[in-house]
Amino acid sequence: MRILNLFKVAFRSLLRNKLRSFLTMLGIIIGVASVIAMLAIGEGSNQNIKASVASLGTNSIMVYPGNNAMGGVSQGAASNKTIRVEDVEAIRDNCDLVNFISPVDQKRAQVIYGSQNWNTSILGVTNDYLAIRSLTLAKGSTFTTADDRAVAKVCLVGVTVVLNLFGDENFNPIGEIIRINSIPVKIIGVLSKMGQNTFGQDQDDIILAPFSTVQKRMMSSSMYVNSILASGKSEGQVVDAVDEITNLLRDKHKIAPSDDNDFTVRTQSEISNIFGTISKVMTILLASIASISLLVGGIGIMNIMLVSVTERTREIGIRMAIGAKGKDILTQFMIESIVISFMGGLIGIALGILVAELVATFGGWPVVITVFSVVVSFLFSTIIGLFFGWYPAQKAASLNPIDALRYE
């Protein structure tokens, strides 16, 4: 009952100055809301990145020419032309743990249909590329191994290309002839819509053509490839498949045991972990910045509580004169401080969830509100109230009753 009475006194004291109490809570409200919103955006981005990377296939393997560090000198992947067409064939014939494999040549080019034109990404791949990426067709059919051997001038287009060349993404372009630079190419299929990836890239703004067609008719080199995309027979065999590919390429490229690779091999799990780590660091950074407002709110609580102690000095003296002890005064002011942070935390949680939902609805950002972020924000706000309320409460409890009664 004693604690209940102290809570009643605390609420009456706060209600006596509603506007001041609300302004005191405002720092906590904004702090909690900011932390929840930032963590929701960060977690949403993290999960979206993982989903986008996973959409490429959990057992995918990428091989790029060049090495990030050769001979102690930092270099970018694809900094050299070291992967040949014959390397693709060797991997296909000798690596038992590789299920599908496709060379990839990529370039941007101007595509023309009638009076319309569009600049898009052209990928030269084999039919295995669609299986590795789990791509499907909305219309038409894909090109075949025979088309690749015949250097056939055929292609598959994404819906963004259809929209910009034909004016309607639902238009059926099968059989239409488009010109890639100056080369006439027949559309034989339309890829199913994929939308944007995590990085804002339009995955439907693409044209796939047989690898030999792009390499021999559109690229300057017919010997090297931009990269290799492969997949292991199962997710559990990806690491062993990477070892197979690495050993094979080192042998074919005649790389000495003491020398660095002249190629880079990456798996989807590695890429997912890299982006996941970056996303987590950014989430922590954003949450840390948002937490500063919680500290500012705590300072506001301490400031108002000090003012309250000064205003109620005579009240404190009267309470002590009729038998209240220092610990009773301490408890009373601590409860008032906790109530401010508690109420501010509850309102902040509601506001944070609302802000996150508004960001998702109007901003198009992926957000994930977790119980962890809500609980941590609320506990942090309560601890802020305890920490910053301690000094004013201790000051009130240490007042001399006689001096407090004489205070004007």
Protein backbone atom coordinates (compact mmCIF):
# COMPACT_ATOMS: atom_id res chain seq x y z
CA MET A 1 0.00 0.00 0.00
CA ARG A 2 2.88 2.36 0.81
CA ILE A 3 4.39 1.94 -2.67
CA LEU A 4 0.93 2.34 -4.23
CA ASN A 5 0.46 5.62 -2.36
CA LEU A 6 3.85 6.82 -3.56
CA PHE A 7 2.80 6.10 -7.16
CA LYS A 8 -0.43 8.04 -6.59
CA VAL A 9 1.55 10.99 -5.25
CA ALA A 10 3.91 10.78 -8.23
CA PHE A 11 1.05 10.80 -10.73
CA ARG A 12 -0.65 13.73 -8.97
CA SER A 13 2.61 15.67 -9.06
CA LEU A 14 3.05 15.04 -12.79
CA LEU A 15 -0.58 15.85 -13.60
CA ARG A 16 -0.24 19.14 -11.73
CA ASN A 17 2.12 20.30 -14.51
CA LYS A 18 0.89 18.39 -17.57
CA LEU A 19 2.73 20.39 -20.23
CA ARG A 20 6.02 20.38 -18.34
CA SER A 21 5.72 16.64 -17.70
CA PHE A 22 5.03 15.96 -21.39
CA LEU A 23 7.96 18.11 -22.52
CA THR A 24 10.15 16.21 -20.05
CA MET A 25 8.98 12.92 -21.54
CA LEU A 26 9.55 14.18 -25.08
CA GLY A 27 13.27 13.36 -25.09
CA ILE A 28 12.55 9.79 -23.97
CA ILE A 29 9.68 9.47 -26.46
CA ILE A 30 11.82 10.61 -29.39
CA GLY A 31 14.76 8.48 -28.24
CA VAL A 32 12.78 5.26 -27.89
CA ALA A 33 10.89 5.87 -31.15
CA SER A 34 14.16 6.57 -33.00
CA VAL A 35 15.87 3.45 -31.69
CA ILE A 36 12.91 1.20 -32.57
CA ALA A 37 12.52 2.74 -36.05
CA MET A 38 16.27 2.54 -36.81
CA LEU A 39 16.53 -1.06 -35.63
CA ALA A 40 13.42 -1.98 -37.64
CA ILE A 41 14.87 -0.42 -40.80
CA GLY A 42 18.27 -2.03 -40.17
CA GLU A 43 16.83 -5.48 -39.52
CA GLY A 44 14.52 -5.16 -42.53
CA SER A 45 17.45 -4.24 -44.76
CA ASN A 46 19.51 -7.11 -43.34
CA GLN A 47 16.80 -9.68 -44.06
CA ASN A 48 16.13 -8.20 -47.49
CA ILE A 49 19.82 -8.41 -48.38
CA LYS A 50 19.94 -12.04 -47.28
CA ALA A 51 16.80 -12.81 -49.27
CA SER A 52 18.20 -11.11 -52.38
CA VAL A 53 21.50 -12.95 -52.11
CA ALA A 54 19.70 -16.23 -51.43
CA SER A 55 17.58 -15.67 -54.55
CA LEU A 56 20.73 -16.27 -56.58
CA GLY A 57 20.81 -19.78 -55.14
CA THR A 58 22.20 -20.96 -51.83
CA ASN A 59 24.64 -23.27 -53.61
CA SER A 60 25.83 -20.78 -56.24
CA ILE A 61 29.54 -20.31 -56.94
CA MET A 62 31.05 -17.31 -58.72
CA VAL A 63 34.47 -17.29 -60.36
CA TYR A 64 35.99 -13.94 -61.31
CA PRO A 65 39.26 -13.16 -63.11
CA GLY A 66 41.99 -11.50 -61.07
CA ASN A 67 42.61 -11.61 -57.34
CA ASN A 68 41.94 -9.11 -54.57
CA ALA A 69 45.58 -9.38 -53.50
CA MET A 70 48.32 -10.73 -55.75
CA GLY A 71 51.93 -10.48 -54.70
CA GLY A 72 51.01 -8.25 -51.79
CA VAL A 73 49.40 -5.67 -54.12
CA SER A 74 45.69 -5.01 -53.65
CA GLN A 75 43.70 -5.49 -56.84
CA GLY A 76 40.03 -5.62 -57.67
CA ALA A 77 38.33 -8.78 -58.82
CA ALA A 78 38.08 -8.85 -62.60
CA SER A 79 41.13 -6.58 -62.78
CA ASN A 80 42.76 -9.00 -65.23
CA LYS A 81 41.58 -11.23 -68.05
CA THR A 82 42.51 -14.65 -66.76
CA ILE A 83 39.39 -16.82 -67.21
CA ARG A 84 39.10 -18.50 -70.60
CA VAL A 85 36.26 -20.30 -72.34
CA GLU A 86 38.26 -23.52 -72.11
CA ASP A 87 38.28 -23.15 -68.29
CA VAL A 88 34.48 -23.39 -68.31
CA GLU A 89 34.61 -26.57 -70.35
CA ALA A 90 37.27 -28.04 -68.06
CA ILE A 91 35.17 -27.38 -64.96
CA ARG A 92 32.10 -28.88 -66.63
CA ASP A 93 34.00 -32.03 -67.63
CA ASN A 94 36.16 -32.61 -64.54
CA CYS A 95 34.42 -31.20 -61.46
CA ASP A 96 32.00 -33.89 -60.31
CA LEU A 97 30.47 -31.75 -57.55
CA VAL A 98 29.43 -28.98 -59.96
CA ASN A 99 25.84 -29.37 -61.13
CA PHE A 100 25.34 -26.46 -63.53
CA ILE A 101 27.84 -24.02 -65.01
CA SER A 102 27.60 -21.03 -67.32
CA PRO A 103 30.14 -18.52 -68.59
CA VAL A 104 28.93 -14.93 -68.30
CA ASP A 105 29.81 -12.04 -70.61
CA GLN A 106 28.14 -8.74 -69.77
CA LYS A 107 27.93 -5.34 -71.41
CA ARG A 108 25.55 -2.40 -71.68
CA ALA A 109 24.18 -1.59 -75.10
CA GLN A 110 21.54 0.50 -76.85
CA VAL A 111 18.56 -1.58 -77.94
CA ILE A 112 16.31 -0.32 -80.74
CA TYR A 113 12.80 -1.28 -81.88
CA GLY A 114 11.26 0.95 -84.52
CA SER A 115 11.45 4.51 -83.18
CA GLN A 116 11.99 3.37 -79.59
CA ASN A 117 15.37 2.74 -77.97
CA TRP A 118 16.54 1.71 -74.51
CA ASN A 119 19.95 1.28 -72.89
CA THR A 120 20.09 -1.98 -70.97
CA SER A 121 22.38 -4.76 -69.74
CA ILE A 122 23.14 -7.60 -72.15
CA LEU A 123 24.24 -10.93 -70.65
CA GLY A 124 25.75 -13.70 -72.72
CA VAL A 125 25.02 -16.98 -70.92
CA THR A 126 24.20 -20.61 -71.53
CA ASN A 127 20.91 -22.29 -70.69
CA ASP A 128 22.38 -23.43 -67.34
CA TYR A 129 22.32 -19.81 -66.18
CA LEU A 130 18.54 -19.90 -65.86
CA ALA A 131 18.70 -23.06 -63.75
CA ILE A 132 21.37 -21.62 -61.43
CA ARG A 133 19.43 -18.35 -60.93
CA SER A 134 16.06 -20.15 -60.79
CA LEU A 135 14.76 -17.90 -63.58
CA THR A 136 11.48 -18.75 -65.28
CA LEU A 137 9.78 -17.57 -68.45
CA ALA A 138 6.48 -15.71 -68.55
CA LYS A 139 6.18 -16.17 -72.33
CA GLY A 140 7.95 -18.04 -75.10
CA SER A 141 10.86 -20.45 -74.75
CA THR A 142 14.53 -20.30 -73.86
CA PHE A 143 17.47 -20.71 -76.20
CA THR A 144 19.13 -24.12 -76.49
CA THR A 145 22.63 -25.56 -76.66
CA ALA A 146 22.16 -25.72 -80.43
CA ASP A 147 21.45 -21.97 -80.50
CA ASP A 148 24.66 -21.36 -78.59
CA ARG A 149 26.68 -23.50 -80.98
CA ALA A 150 25.08 -21.81 -84.00
CA VAL A 151 25.73 -18.32 -82.59
CA ALA A 152 22.01 -17.74 -83.07
CA LYS A 153 20.72 -14.17 -82.95
CA VAL A 154 17.98 -14.82 -80.38
CA CYS A 155 17.34 -13.45 -76.89
CA LEU A 156 15.19 -13.39 -73.76
CA VAL A 157 14.05 -10.01 -72.46
CA GLY A 158 12.95 -8.68 -69.07
CA VAL A 159 9.62 -6.89 -68.60
CA THR A 160 11.32 -3.48 -68.18
CA VAL A 161 12.83 -3.84 -71.64
CA VAL A 162 9.42 -4.84 -73.03
CA LEU A 163 7.81 -1.80 -71.39
CA ASN A 164 10.36 0.67 -72.77
CA LEU A 165 10.52 -0.77 -76.28
CA PHE A 166 6.87 -1.72 -76.85
CA GLY A 167 5.08 0.64 -74.43
CA ASP A 168 3.30 -2.08 -72.43
CA GLU A 169 4.91 -4.70 -70.21
CA ASN A 170 2.00 -7.05 -70.99
CA PHE A 171 2.68 -6.85 -74.73
CA ASN A 172 3.67 -10.18 -76.30
CA PRO A 173 6.95 -9.47 -78.12
CA ILE A 174 7.66 -13.07 -79.14
CA GLY A 175 8.95 -13.10 -82.71
CA GLU A 176 9.73 -9.38 -82.80
CA ILE A 177 13.14 -8.27 -84.08
CA ILE A 178 15.14 -5.77 -82.03
CA ARG A 179 18.55 -4.32 -82.80
CA ILE A 180 21.31 -4.52 -80.19
CA ASN A 181 23.66 -1.82 -81.42
CA SER A 182 23.51 -2.75 -85.12
CA ILE A 183 22.79 -6.48 -84.74
CA PRO A 184 19.22 -7.74 -85.40
CA VAL A 185 18.13 -10.19 -82.70
CA LYS A 186 14.86 -12.10 -82.43
CA ILE A 187 12.95 -12.21 -79.14
CA ILE A 188 12.01 -15.81 -78.29
CA GLY A 189 11.08 -15.42 -74.61
CA VAL A 190 10.11 -13.00 -71.83
CA LEU A 191 11.50 -13.51 -68.32
CA SER A 192 9.13 -13.58 -65.36
CA LYS A 193 9.04 -10.36 -63.40
CA MET A 194 11.61 -10.15 -60.57
CA GLY A 195 11.42 -6.52 -59.43
CA GLN A 196 14.18 -4.57 -57.71
CA ASN A 197 16.85 -6.15 -55.58
CA THR A 198 18.04 -4.82 -52.20
CA PHE A 199 20.40 -2.35 -53.82
CA GLY A 200 17.67 -0.75 -55.92
CA GLN A 201 18.77 -2.41 -59.15
CA ASP A 202 15.98 -3.31 -61.57
CA GLN A 203 16.40 -7.04 -62.17
CA ASP A 204 13.94 -6.88 -65.10
CA ASP A 205 16.08 -4.42 -67.04
CA ILE A 206 18.05 -7.16 -68.75
CA ILE A 207 18.46 -9.15 -71.96
CA LEU A 208 19.84 -12.69 -71.99
CA ALA A 209 21.37 -14.06 -75.18
CA PRO A 210 23.40 -17.17 -76.02
CA PHE A 211 26.94 -16.81 -74.73
CA SER A 212 28.56 -17.36 -78.13
CA THR A 213 26.30 -14.71 -79.68
CA VAL A 214 27.33 -12.03 -77.21
CA GLN A 215 30.97 -13.09 -77.17
CA LYS A 216 31.53 -13.31 -80.93
CA ARG A 217 29.12 -10.67 -82.23
CA MET A 218 29.16 -8.03 -79.47
CA MET A 219 32.37 -8.42 -77.46
CA SER A 220 35.87 -7.62 -78.61
CA SER A 221 37.36 -10.83 -77.20
CA SER A 222 36.41 -14.39 -78.10
CA MET A 223 38.94 -15.98 -75.75
CA TYR A 224 38.19 -14.63 -72.27
CA VAL A 225 34.99 -14.46 -70.21
CA ASN A 226 33.91 -11.85 -67.66
CA SER A 227 33.00 -14.47 -65.04
CA ILE A 228 31.71 -17.96 -64.41
CA LEU A 229 28.52 -18.81 -62.55
CA ALA A 230 28.17 -22.37 -61.26
CA SER A 231 26.22 -24.32 -58.67
CA GLY A 232 27.12 -27.23 -56.44
CA LYS A 233 25.10 -30.41 -56.52
CA SER A 234 23.89 -29.60 -53.00
CA GLU A 235 24.33 -26.82 -50.47
CA GLY A 236 26.42 -29.09 -48.27
CA GLN A 237 28.87 -29.80 -51.11
CA VAL A 238 29.54 -26.17 -52.08
CA VAL A 239 32.80 -25.94 -50.11
CA ASP A 240 34.12 -29.13 -51.71
CA ALA A 241 32.99 -27.90 -55.13
CA VAL A 242 34.93 -24.67 -54.58
CA ASP A 243 38.04 -26.71 -53.74
CA GLU A 244 37.57 -28.75 -56.93
CA ILE A 245 37.27 -25.62 -59.07
CA THR A 246 40.20 -23.90 -57.36
CA ASN A 247 42.53 -26.89 -57.75
CA LEU A 248 41.51 -27.38 -61.38
CA LEU A 249 42.05 -23.73 -62.34
CA ARG A 250 45.39 -23.54 -60.53
CA ASP A 251 46.52 -26.60 -62.46
CA LYS A 252 45.26 -25.29 -65.83
CA HIS A 253 46.78 -21.85 -65.26
CA LYS A 254 50.06 -23.47 -64.16
CA ILE A 255 50.18 -21.57 -60.88
CA ALA A 256 53.07 -22.57 -58.60
CA PRO A 257 52.17 -23.74 -55.06
CA SER A 258 53.73 -20.62 -53.57
CA ASP A 259 51.95 -18.20 -55.93
CA ASP A 260 48.57 -16.51 -55.49
CA ASN A 261 45.56 -17.45 -57.58
CA ASP A 262 44.94 -15.33 -60.66
CA PHE A 263 41.20 -15.72 -60.09
CA THR A 264 38.70 -15.22 -57.26
CA VAL A 265 36.09 -17.75 -56.16
CA ARG A 266 33.10 -16.63 -54.11
CA THR A 267 30.04 -18.45 -52.77
CA GLN A 268 26.61 -17.10 -51.92
CA SER A 269 27.14 -17.75 -48.21
CA GLU A 270 30.32 -15.62 -48.24
CA ILE A 271 28.56 -12.75 -50.00
CA SER A 272 25.58 -13.05 -47.65
CA ASN A 273 27.88 -12.92 -44.61
CA ILE A 274 29.75 -9.89 -45.96
CA PHE A 275 26.58 -7.89 -46.61
CA GLY A 276 25.05 -9.16 -43.37
CA THR A 277 28.04 -7.86 -41.41
CA ILE A 278 27.88 -4.49 -43.16
CA SER A 279 24.15 -4.27 -42.47
CA LYS A 280 24.61 -5.11 -38.78
CA VAL A 281 27.33 -2.47 -38.39
CA MET A 282 25.09 0.12 -40.02
CA THR A 283 22.17 -0.90 -37.78
CA ILE A 284 24.30 -0.57 -34.65
CA LEU A 285 25.58 2.80 -35.87
CA LEU A 286 22.07 4.09 -36.54
CA ALA A 287 20.77 2.79 -33.20
CA SER A 288 23.74 4.36 -31.38
CA ILE A 289 23.05 7.73 -32.98
CA ALA A 290 19.36 7.43 -32.09
CA SER A 291 20.29 6.51 -28.50
CA ILE A 292 21.89 9.93 -28.05
CA SER A 293 18.40 11.41 -27.89
CA LEU A 294 17.68 9.04 -24.99
CA LEU A 295 20.63 10.51 -23.10
CA VAL A 296 19.37 14.00 -23.89
CA GLY A 297 15.96 12.93 -22.57
CA GLY A 298 17.62 11.66 -19.40
CA ILE A 299 19.33 15.01 -18.87
CA GLY A 300 15.94 16.66 -19.34
CA ILE A 301 14.48 14.41 -16.63
CA MET A 302 17.26 15.32 -14.22
CA ASN A 303 16.84 19.01 -14.96
CA ILE A 304 13.08 19.00 -14.36
CA MET A 305 13.42 16.84 -11.26
CA LEU A 306 15.93 19.35 -9.81
CA VAL A 307 13.45 22.15 -10.51
CA SER A 308 10.72 20.05 -8.87
CA VAL A 309 12.86 19.53 -5.76
CA THR A 310 13.44 23.27 -5.51
CA GLU A 311 9.74 24.07 -5.96
CA ARG A 312 8.66 21.49 -3.38
CA THR A 313 11.27 22.15 -0.71
CA ARG A 314 8.66 23.23 1.83
CA GLU A 315 6.55 20.18 1.02
CA ILE A 316 9.59 17.98 1.63
CA GLY A 317 10.20 19.75 4.96
CA ILE A 318 6.60 19.18 6.05
CA ARG A 319 6.77 15.48 5.13
CA MET A 320 9.97 15.08 7.13
CA ALA A 321 8.49 17.00 10.06
CA ILE A 322 5.56 14.57 10.34
CA GLY A 323 7.77 11.50 10.24
CA ALA A 324 8.91 10.84 6.66
CA LYS A 325 12.47 9.58 6.47
CA GLY A 326 15.12 10.36 3.89
CA LYS A 327 14.59 7.04 2.16
CA ASP A 328 10.86 7.83 1.81
CA ILE A 329 11.63 11.13 0.05
CA LEU A 330 14.26 9.37 -2.07
CA THR A 331 11.78 6.68 -3.08
CA GLN A 332 9.09 9.25 -3.90
CA PHE A 333 11.26 11.24 -6.30
CA MET A 334 12.77 8.10 -7.81
CA ILE A 335 9.27 6.84 -8.55
CA GLU A 336 8.38 10.15 -10.20
CA SER A 337 11.47 9.88 -12.38
CA ILE A 338 10.67 6.26 -13.28
CA VAL A 339 7.05 7.13 -14.08
CA ILE A 340 8.21 9.86 -16.49
CA SER A 341 10.61 7.50 -18.28
CA PHE A 342 8.08 4.63 -18.14
CA MET A 343 5.28 6.66 -19.72
CA GLY A 344 7.72 8.19 -22.22
CA GLY A 345 8.93 4.68 -23.10
CA LEU A 346 5.39 3.41 -23.76
CA ILE A 347 4.51 6.37 -25.96
CA GLY A 348 7.91 6.07 -27.69
CA ILE A 349 7.27 2.40 -28.50
CA ALA A 350 3.92 3.25 -30.11
CA LEU A 351 5.46 6.15 -32.03
CA GLY A 352 8.45 4.05 -33.15
CA ILE A 353 6.20 1.30 -34.51
CA LEU A 354 4.07 3.92 -36.28
CA VAL A 355 7.13 5.58 -37.84
CA ALA A 356 8.50 2.22 -39.01
CA GLU A 357 5.17 1.33 -40.63
CA LEU A 358 4.98 4.73 -42.32
CA VAL A 359 8.52 4.28 -43.67
CA ALA A 360 7.53 0.87 -45.04
CA THR A 361 4.27 2.15 -46.54
CA PHE A 362 5.35 5.45 -48.08
CA GLY A 363 9.12 5.03 -48.38
CA GLY A 364 9.12 1.47 -49.69
CA TRP A 365 11.84 0.47 -47.20
CA PRO A 366 11.70 -3.06 -45.76
CA VAL A 367 11.19 -2.92 -41.99
CA VAL A 368 11.12 -5.69 -39.38
CA ILE A 369 10.06 -4.76 -35.84
CA THR A 370 11.49 -7.27 -33.40
CA VAL A 371 10.53 -7.94 -29.79
CA PHE A 372 14.21 -7.54 -28.92
CA SER A 373 14.33 -3.93 -30.17
CA VAL A 374 11.14 -3.02 -28.28
CA VAL A 375 12.28 -4.62 -25.01
CA VAL A 376 15.80 -3.15 -25.20
CA SER A 377 14.49 0.35 -25.97
CA PHE A 378 11.98 0.19 -23.11
CA LEU A 379 14.52 -1.15 -20.60
CA PHE A 380 17.05 1.47 -21.68
CA SER A 381 14.52 4.26 -21.19
CA THR A 382 13.67 2.94 -17.69
CA ILE A 383 17.36 2.74 -16.78
CA ILE A 384 17.80 6.31 -18.03
CA GLY A 385 15.01 7.38 -15.67
CA LEU A 386 16.67 5.60 -12.73
CA PHE A 387 20.13 6.94 -13.50
CA PHE A 388 19.23 10.57 -14.09
CA GLY A 389 16.59 10.63 -11.37
CA TRP A 390 18.98 9.47 -8.67
CA TYR A 391 20.82 12.75 -8.10
CA PRO A 392 17.69 14.95 -7.72
CA ALA A 393 16.09 12.31 -5.46
CA GLN A 394 19.23 12.07 -3.34
CA LYS A 395 19.36 15.87 -3.08
CA ALA A 396 15.75 15.96 -1.89
CA ALA A 397 16.33 13.16 0.64
CA SER A 398 19.37 14.93 2.13
CA LEU A 399 17.57 18.22 2.83
CA ASN A 400 17.56 19.45 6.43
CA PRO A 401 13.91 19.49 7.62
CA ILE A 402 14.32 22.84 9.44
CA ASP A 403 15.95 24.53 6.43
CA ALA A 404 13.32 23.02 4.15
CA LEU A 405 10.47 24.42 6.31
CA ARG A 406 12.06 27.88 6.30
CA TYR A 407 12.52 27.84 2.50
CA GLU A 408 10.62 30.54 0.62
